[in-house]
Amino acid sequence: MDRREEIKKILEMIGLEEEHVKYVDSVEYILNLFNKIDEYYESAKDLDPLFHPMDLTLEPDDDKVEEQEEMEHLKLDEDGYVRGPPLKRR
């Protein structure tokens, strides 16, 4: 049994008896793509992974707060939270 016949049989099994002809080309194309992926995997499985291809070290920035705005003008509620404007209802 060739590949197209196998695909038709599978499509008939999942309930596409009447319309399986429309899907055979698409399914065959998808299967060919998976075969290509398998070929690439077979050729690349012996390669060492490149998790960090460059010698790069990350250092944090020196973030410094120079000035902080005074918050005396803000009104706090009884729990000490800042009250924002009321939300508009639609």
C-alpha atoms as a PDB file:
ATOM      1  CA  MET A   1       0.000   0.000   0.000  1.00  0.00           C
ATOM      2  CA  ASP A   2       1.489   3.356  -0.984  1.00  0.00           C
ATOM      3  CA  ARG A   3       1.440   6.489   1.134  1.00  0.00           C
ATOM      4  CA  ARG A   4      -1.611   8.057  -0.518  1.00  0.00           C
ATOM      5  CA  GLU A   5      -3.637   4.887   0.055  1.00  0.00           C
ATOM      6  CA  GLU A   6      -2.589   4.869   3.714  1.00  0.00           C
ATOM      7  CA  ILE A   7      -3.662   8.503   4.067  1.00  0.00           C
ATOM      8  CA  LYS A   8      -7.032   7.770   2.454  1.00  0.00           C
ATOM      9  CA  LYS A   9      -7.550   4.838   4.814  1.00  0.00           C
ATOM     10  CA  ILE A  10      -6.761   6.985   7.871  1.00  0.00           C
ATOM     11  CA  LEU A  11      -9.067   9.766   6.679  1.00  0.00           C
ATOM     12  CA  GLU A  12     -11.851   7.232   6.183  1.00  0.00           C
ATOM     13  CA  MET A  13     -11.247   5.907   9.705  1.00  0.00           C
ATOM     14  CA  ILE A  14     -11.750   9.357  11.233  1.00  0.00           C
ATOM     15  CA  GLY A  15     -15.015   9.866   9.385  1.00  0.00           C
ATOM     16  CA  LEU A  16     -14.137  11.719   6.206  1.00  0.00           C
ATOM     17  CA  GLU A  17     -15.374   9.074   3.770  1.00  0.00           C
ATOM     18  CA  GLU A  18     -16.918  11.462   1.275  1.00  0.00           C
ATOM     19  CA  GLU A  19     -14.463  14.330   1.473  1.00  0.00           C
ATOM     20  CA  HIS A  20     -11.181  12.502   2.043  1.00  0.00           C
ATOM     21  CA  VAL A  21      -9.998  13.284  -1.501  1.00  0.00           C
ATOM     22  CA  LYS A  22      -9.822  17.003  -0.612  1.00  0.00           C
ATOM     23  CA  TYR A  23      -7.483  16.341   2.324  1.00  0.00           C
ATOM     24  CA  VAL A  24      -5.080  13.775   0.891  1.00  0.00           C
ATOM     25  CA  ASP A  25      -2.747  16.357  -0.681  1.00  0.00           C
ATOM     26  CA  SER A  26      -2.686  18.498   2.461  1.00  0.00           C
ATOM     27  CA  VAL A  27      -2.009  15.554   4.752  1.00  0.00           C
ATOM     28  CA  GLU A  28       0.718  14.271   2.443  1.00  0.00           C
ATOM     29  CA  TYR A  29       2.333  17.731   2.441  1.00  0.00           C
ATOM     30  CA  ILE A  30       2.243  17.857   6.256  1.00  0.00           C
ATOM     31  CA  LEU A  31       3.739  14.370   6.519  1.00  0.00           C
ATOM     32  CA  ASN A  32       6.548  15.421   4.163  1.00  0.00           C
ATOM     33  CA  LEU A  33       7.279  18.402   6.412  1.00  0.00           C
ATOM     34  CA  PHE A  34       7.516  16.130   9.446  1.00  0.00           C
ATOM     35  CA  ASN A  35       9.855  13.842   7.513  1.00  0.00           C
ATOM     36  CA  LYS A  36      12.077  16.849   6.760  1.00  0.00           C
ATOM     37  CA  ILE A  37      12.105  17.747  10.460  1.00  0.00           C
ATOM     38  CA  ASP A  38      13.122  14.173  11.268  1.00  0.00           C
ATOM     39  CA  GLU A  39      15.976  14.388   8.729  1.00  0.00           C
ATOM     40  CA  TYR A  40      17.281  17.613  10.311  1.00  0.00           C
ATOM     41  CA  TYR A  41      16.961  16.117  13.767  1.00  0.00           C
ATOM     42  CA  GLU A  42      18.929  13.027  12.752  1.00  0.00           C
ATOM     43  CA  SER A  43      21.744  15.136  11.311  1.00  0.00           C
ATOM     44  CA  ALA A  44      21.836  17.529  14.295  1.00  0.00           C
ATOM     45  CA  LYS A  45      21.373  15.180  17.242  1.00  0.00           C
ATOM     46  CA  ASP A  46      25.114  14.578  17.638  1.00  0.00           C
ATOM     47  CA  LEU A  47      25.959  18.297  17.730  1.00  0.00           C
ATOM     48  CA  ASP A  48      26.657  20.070  20.998  1.00  0.00           C
ATOM     49  CA  PRO A  49      23.900  22.541  21.901  1.00  0.00           C
ATOM     50  CA  LEU A  50      24.691  26.239  21.698  1.00  0.00           C
ATOM     51  CA  PHE A  51      22.974  27.558  24.795  1.00  0.00           C
ATOM     52  CA  HIS A  52      25.322  30.536  25.043  1.00  0.00           C
ATOM     53  CA  PRO A  53      27.077  30.909  21.707  1.00  0.00           C
ATOM     54  CA  MET A  54      28.930  34.066  22.776  1.00  0.00           C
ATOM     55  CA  ASP A  55      31.118  34.647  25.798  1.00  0.00           C
ATOM     56  CA  LEU A  56      28.878  37.216  27.351  1.00  0.00           C
ATOM     57  CA  THR A  57      28.563  38.185  30.970  1.00  0.00           C
ATOM     58  CA  LEU A  58      25.725  40.354  32.147  1.00  0.00           C
ATOM     59  CA  GLU A  59      26.296  42.900  34.840  1.00  0.00           C
ATOM     60  CA  PRO A  60      23.522  44.882  36.515  1.00  0.00           C
ATOM     61  CA  ASP A  61      23.317  48.623  35.989  1.00  0.00           C
ATOM     62  CA  ASP A  62      24.094  50.969  38.836  1.00  0.00           C
ATOM     63  CA  ASP A  63      20.612  52.396  39.280  1.00  0.00           C
ATOM     64  CA  LYS A  64      20.719  55.275  41.708  1.00  0.00           C
ATOM     65  CA  VAL A  65      17.876  57.495  42.831  1.00  0.00           C
ATOM     66  CA  GLU A  66      19.132  61.051  42.771  1.00  0.00           C
ATOM     67  CA  GLU A  67      16.050  62.822  44.018  1.00  0.00           C
ATOM     68  CA  GLN A  68      12.660  61.695  45.159  1.00  0.00           C
ATOM     69  CA  GLU A  69       9.633  63.871  44.735  1.00  0.00           C
ATOM     70  CA  GLU A  70       7.946  64.951  47.914  1.00  0.00           C
ATOM     71  CA  MET A  71       4.581  63.304  48.408  1.00  0.00           C
ATOM     72  CA  GLU A  72       3.232  65.709  50.974  1.00  0.00           C
ATOM     73  CA  HIS A  73       0.611  67.035  48.564  1.00  0.00           C
ATOM     74  CA  LEU A  74      -1.027  63.609  48.209  1.00  0.00           C
ATOM     75  CA  LYS A  75      -4.115  62.872  50.233  1.00  0.00           C
ATOM     76  CA  LEU A  76      -4.142  59.498  51.967  1.00  0.00           C
ATOM     77  CA  ASP A  77      -7.199  57.623  53.137  1.00  0.00           C
ATOM     78  CA  GLU A  78      -7.567  56.218  56.643  1.00  0.00           C
ATOM     79  CA  ASP A  79      -5.572  53.076  55.701  1.00  0.00           C
ATOM     80  CA  GLY A  80      -2.646  55.130  54.384  1.00  0.00           C
ATOM     81  CA  TYR A  81      -3.283  54.500  50.693  1.00  0.00           C
ATOM     82  CA  VAL A  82      -3.319  57.159  47.976  1.00  0.00           C
ATOM     83  CA  ARG A  83      -6.790  57.746  46.597  1.00  0.00           C
ATOM     84  CA  GLY A  84      -7.085  57.894  42.847  1.00  0.00           C
ATOM     85  CA  PRO A  85      -9.872  59.468  40.824  1.00  0.00           C
ATOM     86  CA  PRO A  86     -13.155  57.534  40.718  1.00  0.00           C
ATOM     87  CA  LEU A  87     -13.669  55.196  37.789  1.00  0.00           C
ATOM     88  CA  LYS A  88     -16.253  56.190  35.218  1.00  0.00           C
ATOM     89  CA  ARG A  89     -19.081  53.727  34.749  1.00  0.00           C
ATOM     90  CA  ARG A  90     -20.260  52.962  31.248  1.00  0.00           C
END
